[in-house]
Amino acid sequence: MTLDAFVAAIGLGYPGARVERWDLLARTQAQRLLSAVLQREQAYDAPRLELALAERIASAFVELFEEQARFFTNGTVEETPLGLRTNAWYGSVTLATFETGVIAVDERRIGLLYLADED
């Protein structure tokens, strides 16, 4: 199953549209990206969750997948003072103005953790 087919199968994204590019992330990058987006809203950088809780959730998601799992996101990721952030998107996984997340794939499972914000 392609990542676009998975997104469509769970009812996300625009019908018939695909993400133009999926960027591969290292396991640690995936965890850091999720932690940052869980901690702060994307539209206004307002606090969402305490750092410790955001890190626990991000870690728990990543640990669901085998060591050789591959992690993908639909945007360009860059280091910022607030941690890893997505600054450009190659297509929509959600229908929101802002979104960031990770799709993880291993030999047995596929999973998605995305957060969407509106301004």
N, C-alpha and C. Protein backbone atom coordinates (compact mmCIF):
# COMPACT_ATOMS: atom_id res chain seq x y z
N MET A 1 0.85 -1.17 0.00
CA MET A 1 0.00 0.00 0.00
C MET A 1 0.89 1.24 0.00
N THR A 2 0.60 2.17 -0.88
CA THR A 2 1.36 3.42 -0.89
C THR A 2 0.89 4.31 0.26
N LEU A 3 1.70 5.29 0.59
CA LEU A 3 1.32 6.21 1.66
C LEU A 3 0.07 6.99 1.28
N ASP A 4 -0.03 7.41 0.02
CA ASP A 4 -1.23 8.12 -0.42
C ASP A 4 -2.47 7.23 -0.31
N ALA A 5 -2.35 5.96 -0.66
CA ALA A 5 -3.48 5.04 -0.56
C ALA A 5 -3.89 4.85 0.90
N PHE A 6 -2.92 4.80 1.80
CA PHE A 6 -3.22 4.68 3.22
C PHE A 6 -3.98 5.90 3.71
N VAL A 7 -3.51 7.09 3.34
CA VAL A 7 -4.18 8.33 3.74
C VAL A 7 -5.62 8.32 3.23
N ALA A 8 -5.82 7.94 1.99
CA ALA A 8 -7.17 7.89 1.42
C ALA A 8 -8.03 6.83 2.10
N ALA A 9 -7.44 5.68 2.40
CA ALA A 9 -8.19 4.57 3.00
C ALA A 9 -8.74 4.93 4.38
N ILE A 10 -8.06 5.81 5.09
CA ILE A 10 -8.56 6.19 6.41
C ILE A 10 -9.38 7.48 6.36
N GLY A 11 -9.65 7.95 5.15
CA GLY A 11 -10.57 9.07 4.98
C GLY A 11 -9.97 10.44 5.15
N LEU A 12 -8.67 10.57 5.00
CA LEU A 12 -8.03 11.87 5.12
C LEU A 12 -7.65 12.41 3.74
N GLY A 13 -7.24 13.65 3.69
CA GLY A 13 -6.79 14.26 2.45
C GLY A 13 -7.93 14.62 1.53
N TYR A 14 -7.56 15.18 0.40
CA TYR A 14 -8.54 15.54 -0.63
C TYR A 14 -8.77 14.33 -1.53
N PRO A 15 -10.00 13.95 -1.78
CA PRO A 15 -10.27 12.78 -2.63
C PRO A 15 -9.58 12.89 -3.98
N GLY A 16 -8.85 11.87 -4.33
CA GLY A 16 -8.16 11.82 -5.62
C GLY A 16 -6.85 12.57 -5.68
N ALA A 17 -6.53 13.37 -4.67
CA ALA A 17 -5.28 14.13 -4.65
C ALA A 17 -4.19 13.30 -4.00
N ARG A 18 -2.97 13.54 -4.42
CA ARG A 18 -1.86 12.83 -3.80
C ARG A 18 -0.85 13.83 -3.25
N VAL A 19 -0.06 13.36 -2.34
CA VAL A 19 1.05 14.15 -1.83
C VAL A 19 2.18 14.02 -2.85
N GLU A 20 2.72 15.14 -3.28
CA GLU A 20 3.74 15.12 -4.33
C GLU A 20 5.05 14.47 -3.89
N ARG A 21 5.36 14.58 -2.62
CA ARG A 21 6.63 14.02 -2.14
C ARG A 21 6.50 13.67 -0.66
N TRP A 22 7.01 12.51 -0.30
CA TRP A 22 7.09 12.10 1.10
C TRP A 22 8.56 12.09 1.48
N ASP A 23 8.92 12.88 2.49
CA ASP A 23 10.31 12.91 2.94
C ASP A 23 10.54 11.87 4.02
N LEU A 24 11.62 11.14 3.88
CA LEU A 24 12.02 10.11 4.84
C LEU A 24 12.70 10.78 6.03
N LEU A 25 12.29 10.38 7.22
CA LEU A 25 12.88 10.90 8.46
C LEU A 25 13.58 9.78 9.21
N ALA A 26 14.66 10.10 9.89
CA ALA A 26 15.26 9.16 10.83
C ALA A 26 14.29 9.01 12.01
N ARG A 27 14.39 7.90 12.71
CA ARG A 27 13.52 7.65 13.88
C ARG A 27 13.59 8.81 14.86
N THR A 28 14.78 9.30 15.15
CA THR A 28 14.92 10.40 16.11
C THR A 28 14.29 11.69 15.57
N GLN A 29 14.40 11.93 14.27
CA GLN A 29 13.76 13.11 13.69
C GLN A 29 12.24 13.00 13.80
N ALA A 30 11.70 11.84 13.51
CA ALA A 30 10.25 11.64 13.61
C ALA A 30 9.78 11.92 15.03
N GLN A 31 10.49 11.41 16.00
CA GLN A 31 10.11 11.62 17.39
C GLN A 31 10.21 13.10 17.77
N ARG A 32 11.27 13.77 17.36
CA ARG A 32 11.44 15.19 17.67
C ARG A 32 10.39 16.06 16.98
N LEU A 33 10.06 15.72 15.73
CA LEU A 33 9.04 16.49 15.00
C LEU A 33 7.68 16.35 15.69
N LEU A 34 7.33 15.13 16.05
CA LEU A 34 6.05 14.91 16.73
C LEU A 34 6.02 15.61 18.08
N SER A 35 7.10 15.54 18.81
CA SER A 35 7.16 16.21 20.11
C SER A 35 6.94 17.71 19.96
N ALA A 36 7.58 18.32 18.98
CA ALA A 36 7.47 19.77 18.78
C ALA A 36 6.04 20.17 18.40
N VAL A 37 5.42 19.39 17.50
CA VAL A 37 4.07 19.76 17.05
C VAL A 37 3.02 19.45 18.13
N LEU A 38 3.29 18.49 18.96
CA LEU A 38 2.40 18.23 20.09
C LEU A 38 2.51 19.33 21.14
N GLN A 39 3.70 19.88 21.29
CA GLN A 39 3.93 20.88 22.32
C GLN A 39 3.37 22.26 21.96
N ARG A 40 3.45 22.64 20.67
CA ARG A 40 3.04 23.99 20.28
C ARG A 40 2.16 23.96 19.04
N GLU A 41 1.13 24.82 19.01
CA GLU A 41 0.28 24.94 17.84
C GLU A 41 1.10 25.47 16.66
N GLN A 42 0.69 25.11 15.47
CA GLN A 42 1.44 25.51 14.28
C GLN A 42 1.09 26.90 13.79
N ALA A 43 -0.14 27.32 13.97
CA ALA A 43 -0.57 28.60 13.43
C ALA A 43 0.04 29.78 14.19
N TYR A 44 0.03 29.71 15.51
CA TYR A 44 0.47 30.86 16.32
C TYR A 44 1.53 30.51 17.35
N ASP A 45 2.07 29.30 17.31
CA ASP A 45 3.08 28.84 18.27
C ASP A 45 2.60 28.91 19.71
N ALA A 46 1.30 28.88 19.93
CA ALA A 46 0.76 28.88 21.28
C ALA A 46 0.99 27.51 21.92
N PRO A 47 1.20 27.46 23.22
CA PRO A 47 1.40 26.18 23.89
C PRO A 47 0.19 25.26 23.71
N ARG A 48 0.47 23.97 23.52
CA ARG A 48 -0.59 22.97 23.39
C ARG A 48 -0.48 21.99 24.56
N LEU A 49 0.66 21.34 24.70
CA LEU A 49 0.90 20.38 25.77
C LEU A 49 2.22 20.70 26.45
N GLU A 50 2.36 20.28 27.70
CA GLU A 50 3.64 20.42 28.37
C GLU A 50 4.67 19.55 27.68
N LEU A 51 5.93 19.99 27.69
CA LEU A 51 7.01 19.30 26.99
C LEU A 51 7.09 17.83 27.38
N ALA A 52 7.03 17.52 28.66
CA ALA A 52 7.17 16.13 29.11
C ALA A 52 6.07 15.24 28.53
N LEU A 53 4.85 15.73 28.50
CA LEU A 53 3.74 14.95 27.95
C LEU A 53 3.90 14.80 26.43
N ALA A 54 4.25 15.88 25.74
CA ALA A 54 4.47 15.82 24.30
C ALA A 54 5.56 14.80 23.96
N GLU A 55 6.63 14.79 24.72
CA GLU A 55 7.72 13.84 24.47
C GLU A 55 7.27 12.40 24.73
N ARG A 56 6.46 12.18 25.76
CA ARG A 56 5.96 10.83 26.04
C ARG A 56 5.07 10.32 24.92
N ILE A 57 4.18 11.16 24.42
CA ILE A 57 3.29 10.75 23.33
C ILE A 57 4.10 10.45 22.08
N ALA A 58 5.02 11.34 21.72
CA ALA A 58 5.85 11.14 20.52
C ALA A 58 6.66 9.86 20.64
N SER A 59 7.25 9.64 21.79
CA SER A 59 8.05 8.44 22.02
C SER A 59 7.18 7.18 21.95
N ALA A 60 6.00 7.22 22.55
CA ALA A 60 5.11 6.06 22.53
C ALA A 60 4.70 5.70 21.10
N PHE A 61 4.43 6.71 20.26
CA PHE A 61 4.07 6.44 18.87
C PHE A 61 5.24 5.77 18.14
N VAL A 62 6.41 6.36 18.23
CA VAL A 62 7.58 5.82 17.52
C VAL A 62 7.91 4.41 17.99
N GLU A 63 7.77 4.15 19.28
CA GLU A 63 8.10 2.84 19.83
C GLU A 63 7.10 1.75 19.44
N LEU A 64 5.97 2.11 18.86
CA LEU A 64 5.02 1.10 18.36
C LEU A 64 5.60 0.33 17.17
N PHE A 65 6.63 0.87 16.55
CA PHE A 65 7.16 0.32 15.32
C PHE A 65 8.53 -0.29 15.51
N GLU A 66 8.77 -1.35 14.73
CA GLU A 66 10.03 -2.09 14.81
C GLU A 66 11.22 -1.17 14.54
N GLU A 67 12.38 -1.61 14.96
CA GLU A 67 13.60 -0.82 14.85
C GLU A 67 13.90 -0.41 13.40
N GLN A 68 13.59 -1.26 12.44
CA GLN A 68 13.87 -0.96 11.03
C GLN A 68 12.73 -0.18 10.35
N ALA A 69 11.78 0.29 11.10
CA ALA A 69 10.65 1.05 10.53
C ALA A 69 11.16 2.28 9.78
N ARG A 70 10.34 2.71 8.84
CA ARG A 70 10.63 3.94 8.09
C ARG A 70 9.57 4.97 8.46
N PHE A 71 10.00 6.21 8.56
CA PHE A 71 9.13 7.31 8.99
C PHE A 71 9.11 8.38 7.89
N PHE A 72 7.92 8.87 7.59
CA PHE A 72 7.75 9.83 6.50
C PHE A 72 6.91 11.01 6.96
N THR A 73 7.16 12.15 6.32
CA THR A 73 6.31 13.33 6.49
C THR A 73 6.12 13.98 5.13
N ASN A 74 5.10 14.79 5.00
CA ASN A 74 4.75 15.37 3.71
C ASN A 74 5.25 16.80 3.55
N GLY A 75 6.31 17.15 4.24
CA GLY A 75 6.82 18.52 4.12
C GLY A 75 8.30 18.61 4.41
N THR A 76 8.83 19.79 4.20
CA THR A 76 10.23 20.08 4.47
C THR A 76 10.39 20.36 5.97
N VAL A 77 11.28 19.66 6.59
CA VAL A 77 11.51 19.79 8.03
C VAL A 77 12.79 20.58 8.25
N GLU A 78 12.72 21.54 9.18
CA GLU A 78 13.91 22.32 9.49
C GLU A 78 14.02 22.51 11.00
N GLU A 79 15.25 22.72 11.44
CA GLU A 79 15.52 23.00 12.85
C GLU A 79 15.16 24.44 13.14
N THR A 80 14.41 24.68 14.21
CA THR A 80 14.04 26.04 14.63
C THR A 80 14.31 26.15 16.13
N PRO A 81 14.22 27.35 16.69
CA PRO A 81 14.37 27.48 18.15
C PRO A 81 13.32 26.67 18.93
N LEU A 82 12.20 26.34 18.28
CA LEU A 82 11.15 25.56 18.93
C LEU A 82 11.26 24.07 18.63
N GLY A 83 12.36 23.64 18.04
CA GLY A 83 12.54 22.24 17.67
C GLY A 83 12.32 22.04 16.19
N LEU A 84 12.19 20.80 15.76
CA LEU A 84 11.94 20.52 14.35
C LEU A 84 10.54 20.99 13.98
N ARG A 85 10.43 21.66 12.85
CA ARG A 85 9.15 22.16 12.36
C ARG A 85 9.06 21.92 10.87
N THR A 86 7.85 21.82 10.36
CA THR A 86 7.61 21.71 8.94
C THR A 86 7.35 23.11 8.40
N ASN A 87 8.07 23.49 7.33
CA ASN A 87 7.88 24.84 6.80
C ASN A 87 7.29 24.87 5.40
N ALA A 88 7.13 23.74 4.76
CA ALA A 88 6.51 23.68 3.43
C ALA A 88 5.89 22.30 3.28
N TRP A 89 4.79 22.22 2.54
CA TRP A 89 4.09 20.95 2.38
C TRP A 89 4.03 20.58 0.91
N TYR A 90 4.04 19.28 0.63
CA TYR A 90 3.99 18.78 -0.75
C TYR A 90 2.62 18.22 -1.10
N GLY A 91 1.65 18.52 -0.33
CA GLY A 91 0.31 18.01 -0.51
C GLY A 91 -0.31 17.83 0.86
N SER A 92 -1.61 17.68 0.90
CA SER A 92 -2.33 17.68 2.16
C SER A 92 -2.68 16.26 2.63
N VAL A 93 -2.43 16.01 3.89
CA VAL A 93 -2.88 14.77 4.55
C VAL A 93 -4.21 15.05 5.24
N THR A 94 -4.35 16.24 5.77
CA THR A 94 -5.61 16.67 6.38
C THR A 94 -6.18 17.77 5.50
N LEU A 95 -7.30 18.31 5.86
CA LEU A 95 -7.88 19.41 5.10
C LEU A 95 -7.63 20.75 5.80
N ALA A 96 -6.71 20.78 6.73
CA ALA A 96 -6.45 21.98 7.53
C ALA A 96 -5.44 22.90 6.86
N THR A 97 -5.39 24.14 7.32
CA THR A 97 -4.43 25.12 6.82
C THR A 97 -3.00 24.72 7.19
N PHE A 98 -2.81 24.24 8.41
CA PHE A 98 -1.50 23.81 8.88
C PHE A 98 -1.61 22.35 9.32
N GLU A 99 -0.59 21.58 9.01
CA GLU A 99 -0.55 20.19 9.46
C GLU A 99 0.90 19.74 9.53
N THR A 100 1.14 18.88 10.46
CA THR A 100 2.45 18.24 10.56
C THR A 100 2.23 16.90 11.22
N GLY A 101 2.98 15.93 10.77
CA GLY A 101 2.88 14.62 11.37
C GLY A 101 3.81 13.63 10.71
N VAL A 102 3.60 12.40 11.07
CA VAL A 102 4.47 11.31 10.63
C VAL A 102 3.61 10.10 10.28
N ILE A 103 3.98 9.45 9.20
CA ILE A 103 3.47 8.11 8.89
C ILE A 103 4.62 7.15 9.11
N ALA A 104 4.38 6.11 9.86
CA ALA A 104 5.40 5.10 10.16
C ALA A 104 5.00 3.78 9.52
N VAL A 105 5.99 3.08 8.99
CA VAL A 105 5.74 1.81 8.30
C VAL A 105 6.81 0.82 8.72
N ASP A 106 6.38 -0.37 9.15
CA ASP A 106 7.34 -1.46 9.37
C ASP A 106 6.79 -2.71 8.69
N GLU A 107 7.37 -3.83 8.95
CA GLU A 107 6.97 -5.08 8.27
C GLU A 107 5.54 -5.50 8.59
N ARG A 108 5.04 -5.11 9.76
CA ARG A 108 3.72 -5.58 10.20
C ARG A 108 2.64 -4.53 10.25
N ARG A 109 3.02 -3.26 10.31
CA ARG A 109 1.98 -2.25 10.52
C ARG A 109 2.34 -0.92 9.86
N ILE A 110 1.31 -0.11 9.78
CA ILE A 110 1.45 1.26 9.31
C ILE A 110 0.62 2.12 10.24
N GLY A 111 1.11 3.30 10.57
CA GLY A 111 0.38 4.18 11.46
C GLY A 111 0.64 5.63 11.13
N LEU A 112 -0.25 6.47 11.60
CA LEU A 112 -0.18 7.89 11.30
C LEU A 112 -0.48 8.69 12.55
N LEU A 113 0.31 9.71 12.80
CA LEU A 113 0.03 10.68 13.84
C LEU A 113 0.23 12.06 13.24
N TYR A 114 -0.85 12.75 12.97
CA TYR A 114 -0.84 14.09 12.37
C TYR A 114 -1.62 15.03 13.26
N LEU A 115 -1.14 16.27 13.34
CA LEU A 115 -1.87 17.32 14.04
C LEU A 115 -2.17 18.42 13.06
N ALA A 116 -3.39 18.91 13.11
CA ALA A 116 -3.85 19.94 12.18
C ALA A 116 -4.30 21.16 12.96
N ASP A 117 -4.00 22.34 12.41
CA ASP A 117 -4.38 23.60 13.04
C ASP A 117 -4.95 24.53 11.98
N GLU A 118 -5.79 25.43 12.42
CA GLU A 118 -6.34 26.48 11.57
C GLU A 118 -5.95 27.83 12.16
N ASP A 119 -5.84 28.81 11.28
CA ASP A 119 -5.56 30.16 11.79
C ASP A 119 -6.80 31.00 11.80
